[in-house]
Amino acid sequence: MRAHMPRTMLHEPDALRFASDATLFGLWGGGLLLMAGIAIWADVRRTRRKHIDKVGWMPWTKVFFVCALVGLTLIGLAIKGG
């Protein structure tokens, strides 16, 4: 008999549950590269601001470099492992 699971529990899709490590590395790497793209867009937007005194507090350049480095590393591992 199957145990009853509450409706609030989220089930991961079978495609992700049975995915290889290379596939998961590729997905995480792609997500981090997407985040790096958003960070570089936000950094360019920040440098072109009209009010020079309204700098903001988010270090977009550092976020870009960290996400790009980790994302490219994961993509490289996914290619090597696949």
Protein backbone atom coordinates (compact mmCIF):
# COMPACT_ATOMS: atom_id res chain seq x y z
CA MET A 1 0.00 0.00 0.00
CA ARG A 2 1.29 3.40 -0.93
CA ALA A 3 1.74 6.00 1.77
CA HIS A 4 -0.41 9.06 1.33
CA MET A 5 1.66 12.15 0.55
CA PRO A 6 0.30 15.60 1.28
CA ARG A 7 -0.64 17.72 -1.72
CA THR A 8 1.95 20.34 -0.82
CA MET A 9 4.81 17.97 -1.68
CA LEU A 10 6.35 18.69 -5.07
CA HIS A 11 7.45 15.75 -7.15
CA GLU A 12 10.44 16.12 -9.42
CA PRO A 13 9.87 14.97 -12.98
CA ASP A 14 11.18 11.55 -13.99
CA ALA A 15 13.38 13.21 -16.62
CA LEU A 16 15.33 14.93 -13.82
CA ARG A 17 15.15 12.10 -11.32
CA PHE A 18 16.84 9.64 -13.66
CA ALA A 19 19.12 12.15 -15.44
CA SER A 20 22.84 11.53 -15.54
CA ASP A 21 25.30 13.71 -13.67
CA ALA A 22 26.40 15.25 -16.97
CA THR A 23 22.83 16.31 -17.74
CA LEU A 24 22.37 17.85 -14.30
CA PHE A 25 25.72 19.67 -14.57
CA GLY A 26 24.64 20.99 -17.96
CA LEU A 27 21.32 22.23 -16.61
CA TRP A 28 22.91 23.92 -13.61
CA GLY A 29 25.64 25.40 -15.81
CA GLY A 30 23.05 26.75 -18.23
CA GLY A 31 21.09 28.30 -15.38
CA LEU A 32 24.20 29.96 -13.99
CA LEU A 33 25.14 31.29 -17.43
CA LEU A 34 21.63 32.73 -17.70
CA MET A 35 22.13 34.39 -14.31
CA ALA A 36 25.50 35.72 -15.52
CA GLY A 37 23.75 37.24 -18.55
CA ILE A 38 21.21 38.93 -16.31
CA ALA A 39 24.00 40.22 -14.07
CA ILE A 40 25.98 41.74 -16.95
CA TRP A 41 22.78 43.36 -18.27
CA ALA A 42 22.14 44.85 -14.82
CA ASP A 43 25.75 46.08 -14.61
CA VAL A 44 25.50 47.81 -17.98
CA ARG A 45 22.18 49.32 -16.93
CA ARG A 46 23.79 50.55 -13.70
CA THR A 47 26.69 52.21 -15.51
CA ARG A 48 24.30 54.08 -17.83
CA ARG A 49 22.14 55.49 -15.04
CA LYS A 50 20.99 59.11 -15.21
CA HIS A 51 21.51 59.95 -11.55
CA ILE A 52 25.18 59.36 -10.77
CA ASP A 53 24.59 59.33 -7.00
CA LYS A 54 22.09 56.45 -7.09
CA VAL A 55 24.59 53.63 -7.26
CA GLY A 56 22.75 50.73 -5.66
CA TRP A 57 24.15 48.02 -3.44
CA MET A 58 24.35 44.90 -5.62
CA PRO A 59 27.86 43.97 -6.85
CA TRP A 60 26.75 42.96 -10.36
CA THR A 61 30.27 42.58 -11.74
CA LYS A 62 31.25 40.09 -9.04
CA VAL A 63 27.96 38.21 -9.46
CA PHE A 64 28.67 37.98 -13.20
CA PHE A 65 32.20 36.64 -12.76
CA VAL A 66 31.22 34.05 -10.14
CA CYS A 67 28.20 32.80 -12.11
CA ALA A 68 30.12 32.74 -15.39
CA LEU A 69 33.10 30.89 -13.91
CA VAL A 70 31.03 28.25 -12.13
CA GLY A 71 28.61 27.95 -15.07
CA LEU A 72 31.37 27.43 -17.63
CA THR A 73 33.08 24.92 -15.35
CA LEU A 74 29.86 22.92 -15.02
CA ILE A 75 29.25 23.07 -18.78
CA GLY A 76 32.80 21.82 -19.35
CA LEU A 77 32.26 18.95 -16.92
CA ALA A 78 28.98 18.11 -18.62
CA ILE A 79 30.63 17.99 -22.04
CA LYS A 80 33.52 15.89 -20.75
CA GLY A 81 31.21 13.52 -18.87
CA GLY A 82 28.64 13.16 -21.64
